[in-house]
Amino acid sequence: MDHLEQTVAFSNALHKLINRYMAEFDLSRHAIVGVLEDKKLSMLLEYGVSFEEYDLEDLDDDSSLDSD
């Protein structure tokens, strides 16, 4: 299987898993999305993705978060 086929297979398996849990448990879509978001953030942090903190009050309408 190439990378695209593996990605499609993973997506399909995840879709089936979500549908199974929605059918078998009393989980709302909000709860499922929250769990997925939590897992996504955990994975990003585990693999070393860092997040910068910005004070949005210091940004004016014409400025950008990029400092280029």
N, C-alpha and C. Protein backbone atom coordinates (compact mmCIF):
# COMPACT_ATOMS: atom_id res chain seq x y z
N MET A 1 0.84 -1.19 0.00
CA MET A 1 0.00 0.00 0.00
C MET A 1 0.88 1.25 0.00
N ASP A 2 0.52 2.21 -0.84
CA ASP A 2 1.26 3.46 -0.82
C ASP A 2 0.70 4.37 0.27
N HIS A 3 1.32 5.54 0.43
CA HIS A 3 0.96 6.45 1.51
C HIS A 3 -0.51 6.88 1.43
N LEU A 4 -0.98 7.21 0.24
CA LEU A 4 -2.36 7.64 0.07
C LEU A 4 -3.33 6.52 0.43
N GLU A 5 -3.06 5.32 -0.02
CA GLU A 5 -3.92 4.18 0.30
C GLU A 5 -3.95 3.91 1.80
N GLN A 6 -2.81 4.05 2.46
CA GLN A 6 -2.76 3.87 3.91
C GLN A 6 -3.57 4.95 4.62
N THR A 7 -3.48 6.17 4.13
CA THR A 7 -4.23 7.27 4.73
C THR A 7 -5.73 7.05 4.56
N VAL A 8 -6.15 6.62 3.39
CA VAL A 8 -7.56 6.35 3.13
C VAL A 8 -8.04 5.19 4.01
N ALA A 9 -7.23 4.15 4.13
CA ALA A 9 -7.59 3.01 4.98
C ALA A 9 -7.75 3.45 6.43
N PHE A 10 -6.83 4.28 6.92
CA PHE A 10 -6.92 4.78 8.29
C PHE A 10 -8.18 5.61 8.47
N SER A 11 -8.45 6.50 7.52
CA SER A 11 -9.64 7.35 7.59
C SER A 11 -10.92 6.51 7.62
N ASN A 12 -10.98 5.51 6.77
CA ASN A 12 -12.15 4.63 6.73
C ASN A 12 -12.32 3.85 8.03
N ALA A 13 -11.23 3.34 8.57
CA ALA A 13 -11.29 2.60 9.83
C ALA A 13 -11.72 3.50 10.98
N LEU A 14 -11.22 4.72 11.00
CA LEU A 14 -11.60 5.68 12.03
C LEU A 14 -13.08 6.02 11.92
N HIS A 15 -13.56 6.22 10.71
CA HIS A 15 -14.97 6.50 10.46
C HIS A 15 -15.86 5.37 10.98
N LYS A 16 -15.47 4.13 10.69
CA LYS A 16 -16.22 2.97 11.17
C LYS A 16 -16.19 2.88 12.69
N LEU A 17 -15.05 3.16 13.30
CA LEU A 17 -14.92 3.13 14.75
C LEU A 17 -15.83 4.17 15.40
N ILE A 18 -15.82 5.37 14.86
CA ILE A 18 -16.67 6.44 15.39
C ILE A 18 -18.14 6.04 15.27
N ASN A 19 -18.54 5.53 14.13
CA ASN A 19 -19.93 5.10 13.94
C ASN A 19 -20.30 3.99 14.92
N ARG A 20 -19.39 3.05 15.14
CA ARG A 20 -19.65 1.96 16.08
C ARG A 20 -19.86 2.49 17.49
N TYR A 21 -18.99 3.41 17.93
CA TYR A 21 -19.13 3.97 19.28
C TYR A 21 -20.40 4.79 19.41
N MET A 22 -20.79 5.50 18.36
CA MET A 22 -22.03 6.27 18.41
C MET A 22 -23.24 5.34 18.51
N ALA A 23 -23.17 4.18 17.89
CA ALA A 23 -24.27 3.23 17.92
C ALA A 23 -24.33 2.48 19.25
N GLU A 24 -23.17 2.14 19.81
CA GLU A 24 -23.12 1.30 21.01
C GLU A 24 -23.16 2.08 22.31
N PHE A 25 -22.78 3.35 22.29
CA PHE A 25 -22.71 4.16 23.50
C PHE A 25 -23.58 5.39 23.35
N ASP A 26 -23.88 6.01 24.45
CA ASP A 26 -24.67 7.23 24.45
C ASP A 26 -23.74 8.44 24.41
N LEU A 27 -22.97 8.55 23.33
CA LEU A 27 -22.01 9.64 23.16
C LEU A 27 -22.55 10.64 22.14
N SER A 28 -22.47 11.91 22.48
CA SER A 28 -22.88 12.94 21.52
C SER A 28 -21.73 13.19 20.54
N ARG A 29 -22.07 13.81 19.45
CA ARG A 29 -21.03 14.20 18.48
C ARG A 29 -20.04 15.17 19.13
N HIS A 30 -20.56 16.03 20.01
CA HIS A 30 -19.68 16.98 20.70
C HIS A 30 -18.65 16.24 21.55
N ALA A 31 -19.07 15.20 22.24
CA ALA A 31 -18.16 14.43 23.08
C ALA A 31 -17.10 13.74 22.22
N ILE A 32 -17.52 13.17 21.11
CA ILE A 32 -16.58 12.48 20.22
C ILE A 32 -15.57 13.46 19.64
N VAL A 33 -16.04 14.60 19.18
CA VAL A 33 -15.13 15.61 18.62
C VAL A 33 -14.17 16.10 19.70
N GLY A 34 -14.67 16.29 20.92
CA GLY A 34 -13.80 16.71 22.01
C GLY A 34 -12.70 15.71 22.29
N VAL A 35 -13.04 14.43 22.29
CA VAL A 35 -12.04 13.38 22.51
C VAL A 35 -11.03 13.38 21.37
N LEU A 36 -11.50 13.52 20.14
CA LEU A 36 -10.58 13.54 19.00
C LEU A 36 -9.65 14.76 19.06
N GLU A 37 -10.18 15.91 19.43
CA GLU A 37 -9.35 17.11 19.56
C GLU A 37 -8.31 16.94 20.66
N ASP A 38 -8.73 16.35 21.79
CA ASP A 38 -7.80 16.11 22.89
C ASP A 38 -6.69 15.16 22.44
N LYS A 39 -7.05 14.13 21.72
CA LYS A 39 -6.05 13.16 21.23
C LYS A 39 -5.11 13.84 20.23
N LYS A 40 -5.68 14.67 19.37
CA LYS A 40 -4.86 15.39 18.38
C LYS A 40 -3.84 16.27 19.08
N LEU A 41 -4.28 17.03 20.08
CA LEU A 41 -3.36 17.91 20.81
C LEU A 41 -2.29 17.09 21.53
N SER A 42 -2.68 15.99 22.15
CA SER A 42 -1.72 15.13 22.84
C SER A 42 -0.66 14.61 21.88
N MET A 43 -1.09 14.20 20.69
CA MET A 43 -0.14 13.69 19.70
C MET A 43 0.80 14.78 19.22
N LEU A 44 0.27 15.97 18.98
CA LEU A 44 1.12 17.08 18.53
C LEU A 44 2.17 17.41 19.57
N LEU A 45 1.75 17.48 20.83
CA LEU A 45 2.71 17.79 21.90
C LEU A 45 3.71 16.66 22.08
N GLU A 46 3.26 15.43 21.95
CA GLU A 46 4.16 14.26 22.09
C GLU A 46 5.24 14.27 21.02
N TYR A 47 4.90 14.73 19.82
CA TYR A 47 5.86 14.73 18.73
C TYR A 47 6.63 16.03 18.61
N GLY A 48 6.53 16.88 19.65
CA GLY A 48 7.40 18.04 19.72
C GLY A 48 6.89 19.29 19.05
N VAL A 49 5.62 19.35 18.69
CA VAL A 49 5.08 20.57 18.11
C VAL A 49 4.88 21.56 19.25
N SER A 50 5.41 22.76 19.09
CA SER A 50 5.26 23.75 20.15
C SER A 50 4.29 24.84 19.69
N PHE A 51 3.67 25.45 20.65
CA PHE A 51 2.72 26.51 20.37
C PHE A 51 3.21 27.78 21.02
N GLU A 52 3.19 28.86 20.24
CA GLU A 52 3.60 30.15 20.77
C GLU A 52 2.38 30.86 21.33
N GLU A 53 2.59 31.62 22.38
CA GLU A 53 1.50 32.36 22.99
C GLU A 53 1.53 33.79 22.48
N TYR A 54 0.38 34.27 22.05
CA TYR A 54 0.25 35.64 21.58
C TYR A 54 -0.76 36.37 22.45
N ASP A 55 -0.47 37.61 22.75
CA ASP A 55 -1.42 38.46 23.45
C ASP A 55 -2.21 39.19 22.37
N LEU A 56 -3.42 38.76 22.13
CA LEU A 56 -4.21 39.31 21.03
C LEU A 56 -4.56 40.77 21.25
N GLU A 57 -4.55 41.24 22.49
CA GLU A 57 -4.84 42.65 22.76
C GLU A 57 -3.71 43.54 22.25
N ASP A 58 -2.51 43.00 22.12
CA ASP A 58 -1.37 43.79 21.64
C ASP A 58 -1.35 43.90 20.12
N LEU A 59 -2.15 43.10 19.45
CA LEU A 59 -2.17 43.11 17.99
C LEU A 59 -3.21 44.11 17.50
N ASP A 60 -2.83 44.96 16.55
CA ASP A 60 -3.84 45.83 15.98
C ASP A 60 -4.35 45.21 14.68
N ASP A 61 -5.32 45.82 14.07
CA ASP A 61 -5.98 45.23 12.91
C ASP A 61 -5.05 45.04 11.72
N ASP A 62 -4.01 45.86 11.59
CA ASP A 62 -3.14 45.79 10.44
C ASP A 62 -1.92 44.90 10.66
N SER A 63 -1.76 44.39 11.86
CA SER A 63 -0.56 43.59 12.12
C SER A 63 -0.81 42.12 11.84
N SER A 64 0.27 41.40 11.79
CA SER A 64 0.23 39.96 11.52
C SER A 64 0.99 39.23 12.60
N LEU A 65 0.68 37.95 12.77
CA LEU A 65 1.43 37.14 13.73
C LEU A 65 2.81 36.82 13.19
N ASP A 66 3.00 36.93 11.88
CA ASP A 66 4.32 36.71 11.30
C ASP A 66 5.19 37.93 11.52
N SER A 67 6.44 37.69 11.89
CA SER A 67 7.34 38.80 12.15
C SER A 67 8.28 39.05 10.98
N ASP A 68 7.93 38.52 9.80
CA ASP A 68 8.81 38.68 8.63
C ASP A 68 8.89 40.10 8.20
